[in-house]
Amino acid sequence: MNYFTSDSREHFFQNVPLLNPRPLFDYHSTADETAWAAFGHANLRLGGGWRVSGGLRFSDEDNEVSRIGTGEFDDPERVTAAGSWDQPSWRLDLEYSAGDGLLYYAGLSTGFRSGGVTTVRLPDGEFNRYDPEDLLAFETGLKSQWPELGLTLDAAAFHYDFDNLQTLNVYSVDDKEFIVEIDNAAKAEVYGIDAAASLQATDRLSVTAAFVWLPKREYVDYIGSEDGQDLSGYELPRAPEWSAIASITYRRPLAHYGELTGRVEYSYRSGFFYTLDNLAAEAQAAYGLLNLLLRFEPPQANWYAFASGRNLTDEDYFHQVFIQAAPGYPDTYEVGVGFRF
């Protein structure tokens, strides 16, 4: 079992004299949350390398908020709102161990994320309320190890069906006030493949690689609550079709002086959108990052020295593109010393 409770108090003040001599916002808000859950899991060995397992969880959450303020966009009377959500979730897994480090598995599970109420005031004057999110997930794959080759390989195919997927929607009201709203997409679907491998080629050389392929990652049924726009068929924000990373690490003993380690890493993400409405102006083009790390450790010492370079090809990319763009790091270089205590 687990139990969680939190109480938060906030005072928000914003004054833009060029827009209005009065503060735009000057409010006090509260948010009280209580949640508990109980979970059980059981395993049954069937013999012949087969095993079945299952679990059941029950969750209960309560949320209460209030807000009062004297700013231009505030309500001078205290407004309160509350919500309560509870739901069971479960999972069922089947495994087959083929021996020699090879395991096949398949699993079906449900997930639950509670709804909520925030102190964000929507254009109709009401607090931002959103519904619980439900997930039905299926995954099948294999996990394998070949010690004689120094190789580990894991791969899986998955399919996620979301009901009332919680989304983050940001929009402006009369070009003066920005609203950050949590909304619900009636249905969304994601499926794909992910795989990861590592190879210990020699005592000194190791290679790792991983990728995720998402051929489908879209809203199946979604009418935006703010403007009624039909977003069905649009891609999920921040969900590239391809993501991949690979690295090579080499360790070189330096006689009696210690060990020098070098690591080269390359990561790649295909293009994706930052916002719900898939605007080209708020999209990230495909990009790859090349990083290098060198590290020296003397024998039987509590310190080490390092040098690194990130984004060595000086790729242009962003962490965020919307109201305020947040560009990623350009080519960046570091040298330093670390100590262990």
Protein backbone atom coordinates (compact mmCIF):
# COMPACT_ATOMS: atom_id res chain seq x y z
CA MET A 1 0.00 0.00 0.00
CA ASN A 2 1.00 3.62 -0.31
CA TYR A 3 -0.46 6.89 0.96
CA PHE A 4 0.30 10.43 -0.17
CA THR A 5 -0.88 13.86 0.96
CA SER A 6 0.22 17.37 0.05
CA ASP A 7 -0.85 20.95 0.82
CA SER A 8 0.49 23.85 -1.22
CA ARG A 9 0.02 27.61 -0.97
CA GLU A 10 0.93 30.06 -3.70
CA HIS A 11 1.00 33.84 -4.15
CA PHE A 12 1.32 34.89 -7.79
CA PHE A 13 1.97 38.51 -8.78
CA GLN A 14 2.45 39.87 -12.30
CA ASN A 15 2.59 43.53 -13.24
CA VAL A 16 3.12 44.84 -16.80
CA PRO A 17 2.76 48.66 -16.56
CA LEU A 18 2.85 49.10 -20.34
CA LEU A 19 -0.33 47.02 -20.62
CA ASN A 20 -2.14 48.11 -17.47
CA PRO A 21 -1.22 50.25 -14.43
CA ARG A 22 -2.90 47.65 -12.21
CA PRO A 23 -1.27 44.24 -11.66
CA LEU A 24 -2.54 41.73 -14.20
CA PHE A 25 -2.45 39.04 -11.51
CA ASP A 26 -2.23 39.27 -7.74
CA TYR A 27 -3.82 36.14 -6.31
CA HIS A 28 -3.48 33.58 -3.55
CA SER A 29 -4.28 29.95 -4.30
CA THR A 30 -4.31 26.64 -2.45
CA ALA A 31 -4.13 23.05 -3.65
CA ASP A 32 -4.74 20.05 -1.37
CA GLU A 33 -4.27 16.50 -2.62
CA THR A 34 -4.73 13.11 -0.99
CA ALA A 35 -4.13 9.73 -2.64
CA TRP A 36 -3.82 6.11 -1.61
CA ALA A 37 -3.44 2.83 -3.46
CA ALA A 38 -3.28 -0.90 -2.72
CA PHE A 39 -1.56 -3.39 -5.02
CA GLY A 40 -0.96 -7.13 -5.13
CA HIS A 41 0.98 -9.36 -7.51
CA ALA A 42 1.21 -13.16 -7.86
CA ASN A 43 3.38 -15.55 -9.89
CA LEU A 44 2.60 -19.14 -10.90
CA ARG A 45 5.17 -21.49 -12.44
CA LEU A 46 3.53 -23.87 -14.88
CA GLY A 47 6.55 -26.05 -15.63
CA GLY A 48 8.47 -26.54 -18.84
CA GLY A 49 9.82 -22.98 -18.68
CA TRP A 50 6.34 -21.36 -18.58
CA ARG A 51 5.22 -18.83 -15.98
CA VAL A 52 2.10 -16.72 -15.63
CA SER A 53 1.73 -13.70 -13.37
CA GLY A 54 -0.93 -11.13 -12.61
CA GLY A 55 -1.52 -8.05 -10.52
CA LEU A 56 -4.40 -5.89 -9.32
CA ARG A 57 -4.28 -2.29 -8.08
CA PHE A 58 -6.94 0.01 -6.67
CA SER A 59 -6.31 3.77 -6.62
CA ASP A 60 -8.25 6.58 -4.93
CA GLU A 61 -7.38 10.30 -5.25
CA ASP A 62 -8.94 13.56 -4.05
CA ASN A 63 -8.04 17.10 -5.16
CA GLU A 64 -9.31 20.46 -3.86
CA VAL A 65 -8.24 23.93 -4.99
CA SER A 66 -9.16 27.54 -4.23
CA ARG A 67 -8.18 30.98 -5.52
CA ILE A 68 -8.82 34.65 -4.69
CA GLY A 69 -7.11 37.79 -5.99
CA THR A 70 -7.22 41.50 -6.71
CA GLY A 71 -5.49 41.65 -10.12
CA GLU A 72 -7.05 42.75 -13.39
CA PHE A 73 -7.82 39.16 -14.39
CA ASP A 74 -8.53 37.86 -10.87
CA ASP A 75 -11.82 37.14 -9.12
CA PRO A 76 -12.10 39.13 -5.85
CA GLU A 77 -14.29 36.39 -4.33
CA ARG A 78 -12.79 33.09 -3.26
CA VAL A 79 -13.67 30.29 -5.64
CA THR A 80 -13.18 26.64 -4.70
CA ALA A 81 -13.49 23.39 -6.62
CA ALA A 82 -12.88 19.74 -5.82
CA GLY A 83 -12.78 16.36 -7.51
CA SER A 84 -12.46 12.72 -6.54
CA TRP A 85 -11.48 9.73 -8.68
CA ASP A 86 -11.05 6.01 -8.01
CA GLN A 87 -10.50 3.07 -10.31
CA PRO A 88 -8.95 -0.42 -10.39
CA SER A 89 -6.21 -1.43 -12.83
CA TRP A 90 -4.68 -4.81 -13.60
CA ARG A 91 -2.01 -6.66 -15.55
CA LEU A 92 -1.52 -10.22 -16.85
CA ASP A 93 1.80 -11.60 -18.15
CA LEU A 94 2.92 -14.85 -19.75
CA GLU A 95 6.61 -15.83 -19.96
CA TYR A 96 8.49 -18.70 -21.57
CA SER A 97 12.13 -19.37 -20.76
CA ALA A 98 13.75 -21.21 -23.64
CA GLY A 99 16.98 -21.69 -21.73
CA ASP A 100 20.48 -20.45 -22.58
CA GLY A 101 19.57 -16.89 -21.61
CA LEU A 102 16.52 -16.57 -23.89
CA LEU A 103 13.16 -15.35 -22.54
CA TYR A 104 9.94 -14.66 -24.48
CA TYR A 105 7.07 -12.73 -22.93
CA ALA A 106 3.69 -11.15 -23.63
CA GLY A 107 1.61 -8.94 -21.38
CA LEU A 108 -1.72 -7.12 -21.26
CA SER A 109 -2.32 -4.35 -18.73
CA THR A 110 -4.45 -1.33 -17.92
CA GLY A 111 -3.32 1.99 -16.48
CA PHE A 112 -5.09 4.82 -14.70
CA ARG A 113 -4.10 8.45 -14.16
CA SER A 114 -6.53 10.44 -12.05
CA GLY A 115 -8.29 13.57 -13.23
CA GLY A 116 -7.75 16.90 -11.57
CA VAL A 117 -8.70 20.49 -10.89
CA THR A 118 -6.18 23.33 -11.19
CA THR A 119 -6.37 26.99 -10.22
CA VAL A 120 -6.06 28.06 -13.87
CA ARG A 121 -9.14 30.10 -14.76
CA LEU A 122 -10.52 29.37 -18.23
CA PRO A 123 -12.21 32.03 -20.40
CA ASP A 124 -15.63 30.99 -19.04
CA GLY A 125 -14.44 31.81 -15.51
CA GLU A 126 -14.35 28.19 -14.33
CA PHE A 127 -11.31 26.35 -13.01
CA ASN A 128 -9.53 23.98 -15.35
CA ARG A 129 -11.02 20.52 -14.80
CA TYR A 130 -9.87 17.41 -16.64
CA ASP A 131 -10.95 13.77 -16.64
CA PRO A 132 -9.04 10.62 -15.66
CA GLU A 133 -6.83 9.00 -18.30
CA ASP A 134 -7.14 5.29 -19.04
CA LEU A 135 -4.70 3.07 -20.89
CA LEU A 136 -4.93 -0.43 -22.34
CA ALA A 137 -1.44 -1.68 -23.20
CA PHE A 138 -0.16 -4.80 -24.94
CA GLU A 139 3.52 -5.72 -25.21
CA THR A 140 5.37 -8.77 -26.48
CA GLY A 141 9.05 -9.35 -26.95
CA LEU A 142 12.19 -11.18 -25.97
CA LYS A 143 15.18 -10.74 -23.68
CA SER A 144 18.38 -12.59 -24.47
CA GLN A 145 21.96 -12.95 -23.33
CA TRP A 146 24.89 -14.69 -25.04
CA PRO A 147 27.72 -14.58 -22.46
CA GLU A 148 30.15 -16.36 -24.76
CA LEU A 149 29.71 -13.55 -27.30
CA GLY A 150 29.43 -10.76 -24.74
CA LEU A 151 26.10 -9.84 -26.34
CA THR A 152 22.79 -8.75 -24.81
CA LEU A 153 19.72 -8.12 -26.97
CA ASP A 154 16.23 -7.00 -25.95
CA ALA A 155 13.38 -6.24 -28.35
CA ALA A 156 9.65 -5.57 -27.95
CA ALA A 157 6.57 -4.62 -29.93
CA PHE A 158 3.89 -2.61 -28.13
CA HIS A 159 0.43 -1.16 -28.66
CA TYR A 160 -1.12 1.53 -26.43
CA ASP A 161 -4.78 2.59 -26.56
CA PHE A 162 -5.58 5.73 -24.56
CA ASP A 163 -9.01 6.96 -23.49
CA ASN A 164 -9.22 10.59 -22.36
CA LEU A 165 -5.47 11.10 -22.84
CA GLN A 166 -4.44 14.13 -20.80
CA THR A 167 -2.93 16.81 -23.02
CA LEU A 168 -1.35 20.22 -22.41
CA ASN A 169 -2.93 23.03 -24.41
CA VAL A 170 -1.54 26.59 -24.43
CA TYR A 171 -3.46 29.44 -26.07
CA SER A 172 -3.99 33.18 -25.74
CA VAL A 173 -7.12 35.20 -24.89
CA ASP A 174 -7.41 38.52 -26.79
CA ASP A 175 -3.60 38.46 -27.22
CA LYS A 176 -3.26 39.54 -23.56
CA GLU A 177 -3.46 36.46 -21.37
CA PHE A 178 -1.99 33.03 -22.03
CA ILE A 179 -3.93 30.04 -20.74
CA VAL A 180 -2.18 26.75 -19.94
CA GLU A 181 -4.97 24.16 -19.91
CA ILE A 182 -4.94 20.43 -19.27
CA ASP A 183 -7.44 18.90 -21.68
CA ASN A 184 -8.55 15.38 -22.64
CA ALA A 185 -8.29 13.71 -26.03
CA ALA A 186 -11.12 11.17 -26.30
CA LYS A 187 -8.92 8.53 -27.93
CA ALA A 188 -5.26 8.24 -28.90
CA GLU A 189 -3.21 5.34 -30.22
CA VAL A 190 0.50 4.55 -30.18
CA TYR A 191 2.25 1.45 -31.43
CA GLY A 192 5.78 0.57 -32.40
CA ILE A 193 8.95 -1.37 -31.76
CA ASP A 194 11.88 -0.73 -29.47
CA ALA A 195 15.15 -2.63 -29.26
CA ALA A 196 18.43 -2.33 -27.39
CA ALA A 197 21.70 -4.22 -27.69
CA SER A 198 25.11 -4.17 -26.02
CA LEU A 199 28.29 -5.91 -27.08
CA GLN A 200 31.38 -6.38 -24.96
CA ALA A 201 33.65 -6.96 -27.94
CA THR A 202 36.86 -7.15 -25.88
CA ASP A 203 37.93 -6.40 -22.33
CA ARG A 204 38.50 -2.83 -23.46
CA LEU A 205 35.91 -2.21 -26.18
CA SER A 206 32.13 -2.11 -25.74
CA VAL A 207 29.35 -1.02 -28.08
CA THR A 208 25.73 -0.17 -27.28
CA ALA A 209 22.80 0.76 -29.51
CA ALA A 210 19.06 1.28 -29.14
CA PHE A 211 16.17 2.56 -31.21
CA VAL A 212 12.43 3.22 -30.99
CA TRP A 213 10.12 3.21 -34.02
CA LEU A 214 6.64 4.70 -33.70
CA PRO A 215 4.82 4.34 -37.04
CA LYS A 216 1.58 5.44 -35.36
CA ARG A 217 1.35 8.08 -32.63
CA GLU A 218 -1.81 10.09 -33.15
CA TYR A 219 -5.09 11.33 -31.74
CA VAL A 220 -7.80 9.02 -33.04
CA ASP A 221 -10.68 11.14 -31.70
CA TYR A 222 -10.06 14.62 -30.30
CA ILE A 223 -12.14 17.80 -30.47
CA GLY A 224 -10.23 20.62 -28.73
CA SER A 225 -12.16 22.13 -25.82
CA GLU A 226 -10.87 25.67 -26.42
CA ASP A 227 -11.95 26.25 -30.04
CA GLY A 228 -13.71 23.03 -31.08
CA GLN A 229 -10.99 22.23 -33.63
CA ASP A 230 -11.02 18.62 -34.82
CA LEU A 231 -7.52 17.28 -34.07
CA SER A 232 -8.36 13.66 -34.93
CA GLY A 233 -5.52 12.16 -36.97
CA TYR A 234 -2.97 14.73 -35.74
CA GLU A 235 0.37 13.52 -34.38
CA LEU A 236 1.04 13.53 -30.65
CA PRO A 237 3.39 16.38 -29.66
CA ARG A 238 7.04 15.55 -28.96
CA ALA A 239 6.70 12.09 -30.47
CA PRO A 240 9.24 11.49 -33.26
CA GLU A 241 8.74 8.47 -35.49
CA TRP A 242 12.37 7.43 -35.04
CA SER A 243 14.69 7.78 -32.05
CA ALA A 244 18.07 6.09 -31.89
CA ILE A 245 21.31 6.20 -29.94
CA ALA A 246 24.63 4.40 -30.31
CA SER A 247 27.91 4.60 -28.44
CA ILE A 248 31.41 3.14 -28.49
CA THR A 249 33.48 3.01 -25.30
CA TYR A 250 37.16 2.12 -25.18
CA ARG A 251 39.28 1.77 -22.01
CA ARG A 252 43.05 2.01 -22.26
CA PRO A 253 45.33 1.13 -19.30
CA LEU A 254 48.27 3.51 -18.98
CA ALA A 255 50.83 1.20 -17.33
CA HIS A 256 51.18 2.34 -13.71
CA TYR A 257 49.50 5.72 -14.30
CA GLY A 258 45.87 4.62 -14.33
CA GLU A 259 43.25 4.21 -17.03
CA LEU A 260 41.99 6.42 -19.85
CA THR A 261 38.40 5.94 -21.09
CA GLY A 262 37.01 7.37 -24.30
CA ARG A 263 33.35 7.36 -25.29
CA VAL A 264 31.79 8.50 -28.56
CA GLU A 265 28.00 8.81 -28.62
CA TYR A 266 25.56 9.71 -31.37
CA SER A 267 21.80 10.23 -30.89
CA TYR A 268 19.16 10.90 -33.51
CA ARG A 269 15.53 12.04 -33.51
CA SER A 270 13.34 12.41 -36.57
CA GLY A 271 11.12 15.49 -36.93
CA PHE A 272 8.18 16.11 -34.60
CA PHE A 273 5.70 18.80 -33.55
CA TYR A 274 5.73 20.74 -30.29
CA THR A 275 2.03 21.67 -30.23
CA LEU A 276 -1.33 19.92 -30.56
CA ASP A 277 -2.30 21.51 -33.87
CA ASN A 278 0.89 20.33 -35.66
CA LEU A 279 1.88 23.78 -36.97
CA ALA A 280 4.95 23.75 -39.22
CA ALA A 281 6.24 26.89 -37.50
CA GLU A 282 6.21 25.05 -34.17
CA ALA A 283 7.95 21.88 -35.33
CA GLN A 284 11.42 20.45 -34.87
CA ALA A 285 13.26 19.11 -37.91
CA ALA A 286 15.24 15.88 -37.65
CA TYR A 287 18.60 16.26 -35.95
CA GLY A 288 21.49 14.25 -34.57
CA LEU A 289 23.92 15.01 -31.74
CA LEU A 290 27.53 13.83 -31.60
CA ASN A 291 29.17 13.79 -28.16
CA LEU A 292 32.66 12.84 -26.96
CA LEU A 293 33.90 12.08 -23.44
CA LEU A 294 37.45 11.44 -22.22
CA ARG A 295 38.11 10.41 -18.62
CA PHE A 296 41.34 9.67 -16.76
CA GLU A 297 41.42 7.79 -13.44
CA PRO A 298 44.69 7.19 -11.58
CA PRO A 299 45.04 3.89 -9.72
CA GLN A 300 43.66 3.71 -6.17
CA ALA A 301 42.75 7.40 -6.06
CA ASN A 302 39.60 9.29 -5.13
CA TRP A 303 39.77 11.75 -8.00
CA TYR A 304 39.46 11.74 -11.80
CA ALA A 305 39.85 14.23 -14.64
CA PHE A 306 37.60 14.58 -17.69
CA ALA A 307 37.13 16.47 -20.92
CA SER A 308 34.00 16.45 -23.03
CA GLY A 309 32.45 17.92 -26.13
CA ARG A 310 28.70 18.03 -26.78
CA ASN A 311 27.00 18.61 -30.13
CA LEU A 312 30.34 18.58 -31.91
CA THR A 313 28.70 19.19 -35.31
CA ASP A 314 26.89 22.29 -33.95
CA GLU A 315 23.38 21.10 -34.86
CA ASP A 316 20.50 23.58 -34.53
CA TYR A 317 17.69 22.16 -32.39
CA PHE A 318 15.23 23.26 -29.72
CA HIS A 319 13.92 21.96 -26.39
CA GLN A 320 10.75 24.04 -26.78
CA VAL A 321 9.11 26.08 -29.53
CA PHE A 322 6.01 28.10 -28.72
CA ILE A 323 5.60 31.25 -26.60
CA GLN A 324 9.28 31.26 -25.72
CA ALA A 325 11.71 29.21 -27.78
CA ALA A 326 14.38 27.30 -25.84
CA PRO A 327 17.29 26.43 -28.13
CA GLY A 328 19.47 23.42 -27.40
CA TYR A 329 23.15 23.62 -26.60
CA PRO A 330 25.49 24.61 -29.44
CA ASP A 331 28.87 22.87 -29.62
CA THR A 332 30.00 22.95 -25.98
CA TYR A 333 33.30 21.88 -24.41
CA GLU A 334 34.19 21.14 -20.79
CA VAL A 335 37.25 20.14 -18.78
CA GLY A 336 37.16 19.35 -15.09
CA VAL A 337 38.18 17.32 -12.10
CA GLY A 338 35.93 15.21 -9.87
CA PHE A 339 36.40 13.89 -6.34
CA ARG A 340 34.80 11.02 -4.44
CA PHE A 341 34.21 11.33 -0.71
